[in-house]
Amino acid sequence: MRPRRPAKDRSTQDSGSGLVYTALMAFAPLSMALPLGSAAVITGIAVTLGYGLSLRGRARAA
């Protein structure tokens, strides 16, 4: 049995959704900032979930 390699630290990688949300709340009118900011956060969650599922698939294949 091969020893497992430690996972790469990707804790500093972010999709940037929080930054987009903050910028929209700071500079856009509220009527536009709220739906677009919420969409940015939901997109960030989806990207994170997709990345996690892709790692899971790679681990099963290995």
N, C-alpha and C. Protein backbone atom coordinates (compact mmCIF):
# COMPACT_ATOMS: atom_id res chain seq x y z
N MET A 1 0.84 -1.18 0.00
CA MET A 1 0.00 0.00 0.00
C MET A 1 0.89 1.25 0.00
N ARG A 2 0.58 2.16 -0.92
CA ARG A 2 1.35 3.40 -1.03
C ARG A 2 0.97 4.36 0.09
N PRO A 3 1.95 5.06 0.65
CA PRO A 3 1.59 6.09 1.64
C PRO A 3 0.88 7.24 0.95
N ARG A 4 -0.05 7.82 1.64
CA ARG A 4 -0.81 8.93 1.07
C ARG A 4 0.01 10.21 1.10
N ARG A 5 -0.08 10.96 0.01
CA ARG A 5 0.58 12.26 -0.02
C ARG A 5 -0.30 13.27 0.69
N PRO A 6 0.30 14.21 1.40
CA PRO A 6 -0.53 15.24 2.04
C PRO A 6 -1.21 16.10 0.98
N ALA A 7 -2.41 16.52 1.28
CA ALA A 7 -3.16 17.36 0.35
C ALA A 7 -2.49 18.72 0.23
N LYS A 8 -2.58 19.30 -0.95
CA LYS A 8 -2.05 20.65 -1.13
C LYS A 8 -2.92 21.63 -0.37
N ASP A 9 -2.29 22.59 0.23
CA ASP A 9 -3.03 23.59 0.99
C ASP A 9 -3.64 24.60 0.03
N ARG A 10 -4.94 24.57 -0.11
CA ARG A 10 -5.64 25.49 -0.99
C ARG A 10 -6.53 26.43 -0.17
N SER A 11 -6.22 26.55 1.11
CA SER A 11 -7.06 27.37 1.97
C SER A 11 -7.00 28.85 1.63
N THR A 12 -5.95 29.27 0.92
CA THR A 12 -5.85 30.68 0.57
C THR A 12 -6.56 31.00 -0.75
N GLN A 13 -6.99 29.97 -1.48
CA GLN A 13 -7.68 30.21 -2.74
C GLN A 13 -9.15 30.47 -2.45
N ASP A 14 -9.68 31.46 -3.13
CA ASP A 14 -11.07 31.84 -2.94
C ASP A 14 -11.63 32.24 -4.29
N SER A 15 -12.91 32.05 -4.45
CA SER A 15 -13.52 32.42 -5.72
C SER A 15 -13.71 33.93 -5.86
N GLY A 16 -13.53 34.68 -4.78
CA GLY A 16 -13.65 36.12 -4.85
C GLY A 16 -15.08 36.62 -4.67
N SER A 17 -16.00 35.74 -4.33
CA SER A 17 -17.39 36.16 -4.22
C SER A 17 -17.60 37.19 -3.11
N GLY A 18 -16.86 37.05 -2.02
CA GLY A 18 -16.99 38.01 -0.93
C GLY A 18 -16.52 39.40 -1.33
N LEU A 19 -15.46 39.44 -2.13
CA LEU A 19 -14.95 40.72 -2.61
C LEU A 19 -15.94 41.39 -3.55
N VAL A 20 -16.54 40.59 -4.43
CA VAL A 20 -17.55 41.13 -5.36
C VAL A 20 -18.75 41.64 -4.58
N TYR A 21 -19.20 40.85 -3.61
CA TYR A 21 -20.35 41.25 -2.78
C TYR A 21 -20.06 42.58 -2.07
N THR A 22 -18.88 42.69 -1.47
CA THR A 22 -18.51 43.90 -0.74
C THR A 22 -18.44 45.11 -1.67
N ALA A 23 -17.83 44.93 -2.83
CA ALA A 23 -17.71 46.03 -3.78
C ALA A 23 -19.08 46.49 -4.27
N LEU A 24 -19.96 45.54 -4.53
CA LEU A 24 -21.30 45.91 -4.97
C LEU A 24 -22.05 46.67 -3.88
N MET A 25 -21.95 46.21 -2.65
CA MET A 25 -22.64 46.88 -1.55
C MET A 25 -22.08 48.28 -1.32
N ALA A 26 -20.79 48.46 -1.60
CA ALA A 26 -20.16 49.77 -1.36
C ALA A 26 -20.44 50.77 -2.48
N PHE A 27 -20.50 50.29 -3.72
CA PHE A 27 -20.51 51.23 -4.84
C PHE A 27 -21.77 51.20 -5.72
N ALA A 28 -22.55 50.16 -5.66
CA ALA A 28 -23.73 50.06 -6.52
C ALA A 28 -24.98 50.47 -5.75
N PRO A 29 -26.01 50.91 -6.45
CA PRO A 29 -27.28 51.18 -5.78
C PRO A 29 -27.82 49.89 -5.14
N LEU A 30 -28.47 50.03 -4.02
CA LEU A 30 -28.93 48.86 -3.27
C LEU A 30 -29.84 47.96 -4.09
N SER A 31 -30.67 48.55 -4.94
CA SER A 31 -31.59 47.74 -5.75
C SER A 31 -30.84 46.83 -6.72
N MET A 32 -29.64 47.20 -7.10
CA MET A 32 -28.82 46.37 -7.99
C MET A 32 -27.83 45.53 -7.18
N ALA A 33 -27.32 46.07 -6.08
CA ALA A 33 -26.28 45.39 -5.30
C ALA A 33 -26.79 44.13 -4.63
N LEU A 34 -27.99 44.17 -4.11
CA LEU A 34 -28.49 43.01 -3.37
C LEU A 34 -28.65 41.77 -4.25
N PRO A 35 -29.35 41.83 -5.38
CA PRO A 35 -29.47 40.60 -6.18
C PRO A 35 -28.14 40.16 -6.80
N LEU A 36 -27.32 41.11 -7.27
CA LEU A 36 -26.05 40.73 -7.88
C LEU A 36 -25.07 40.21 -6.83
N GLY A 37 -25.06 40.83 -5.67
CA GLY A 37 -24.19 40.35 -4.59
C GLY A 37 -24.59 38.97 -4.11
N SER A 38 -25.89 38.74 -4.01
CA SER A 38 -26.37 37.41 -3.62
C SER A 38 -26.00 36.36 -4.68
N ALA A 39 -26.11 36.74 -5.95
CA ALA A 39 -25.73 35.82 -7.03
C ALA A 39 -24.24 35.50 -6.96
N ALA A 40 -23.41 36.49 -6.62
CA ALA A 40 -21.97 36.26 -6.50
C ALA A 40 -21.66 35.28 -5.38
N VAL A 41 -22.34 35.41 -4.25
CA VAL A 41 -22.12 34.51 -3.13
C VAL A 41 -22.59 33.10 -3.48
N ILE A 42 -23.74 32.98 -4.11
CA ILE A 42 -24.25 31.66 -4.51
C ILE A 42 -23.31 31.01 -5.52
N THR A 43 -22.77 31.80 -6.44
CA THR A 43 -21.80 31.27 -7.40
C THR A 43 -20.54 30.78 -6.69
N GLY A 44 -20.08 31.53 -5.70
CA GLY A 44 -18.92 31.11 -4.92
C GLY A 44 -19.16 29.79 -4.20
N ILE A 45 -20.35 29.63 -3.65
CA ILE A 45 -20.70 28.37 -2.99
C ILE A 45 -20.71 27.23 -4.00
N ALA A 46 -21.28 27.47 -5.17
CA ALA A 46 -21.35 26.43 -6.20
C ALA A 46 -19.96 26.02 -6.69
N VAL A 47 -19.08 27.00 -6.85
CA VAL A 47 -17.71 26.70 -7.28
C VAL A 47 -16.99 25.88 -6.21
N THR A 48 -17.16 26.26 -4.96
CA THR A 48 -16.53 25.53 -3.87
C THR A 48 -17.05 24.10 -3.80
N LEU A 49 -18.35 23.93 -3.93
CA LEU A 49 -18.95 22.60 -3.90
C LEU A 49 -18.46 21.76 -5.08
N GLY A 50 -18.41 22.36 -6.26
CA GLY A 50 -17.93 21.64 -7.44
C GLY A 50 -16.48 21.21 -7.29
N TYR A 51 -15.66 22.08 -6.71
CA TYR A 51 -14.25 21.74 -6.49
C TYR A 51 -14.14 20.57 -5.51
N GLY A 52 -14.90 20.62 -4.45
CA GLY A 52 -14.86 19.53 -3.48
C GLY A 52 -15.30 18.21 -4.08
N LEU A 53 -16.34 18.25 -4.90
CA LEU A 53 -16.81 17.02 -5.55
C LEU A 53 -15.79 16.50 -6.56
N SER A 54 -15.09 17.40 -7.24
CA SER A 54 -14.07 16.95 -8.18
C SER A 54 -12.91 16.28 -7.45
N LEU A 55 -12.55 16.80 -6.28
CA LEU A 55 -11.50 16.16 -5.48
C LEU A 55 -11.94 14.79 -5.01
N ARG A 56 -13.19 14.69 -4.64
CA ARG A 56 -13.73 13.40 -4.20
C ARG A 56 -13.67 12.37 -5.33
N GLY A 57 -14.02 12.81 -6.55
CA GLY A 57 -13.95 11.92 -7.70
C GLY A 57 -12.53 11.49 -8.01
N ARG A 58 -11.59 12.42 -7.88
CA ARG A 58 -10.18 12.07 -8.12
C ARG A 58 -9.69 11.08 -7.07
N ALA A 59 -10.11 11.26 -5.83
CA ALA A 59 -9.67 10.36 -4.76
C ALA A 59 -10.22 8.95 -4.98
N ARG A 60 -11.42 8.85 -5.46
CA ARG A 60 -11.99 7.53 -5.73
C ARG A 60 -11.30 6.85 -6.91
N ALA A 61 -10.88 7.65 -7.88
CA ALA A 61 -10.25 7.09 -9.06
C ALA A 61 -8.81 6.65 -8.77
N ALA A 62 -8.21 7.23 -7.75
CA ALA A 62 -6.79 6.91 -7.45
C ALA A 62 -6.63 5.61 -6.73
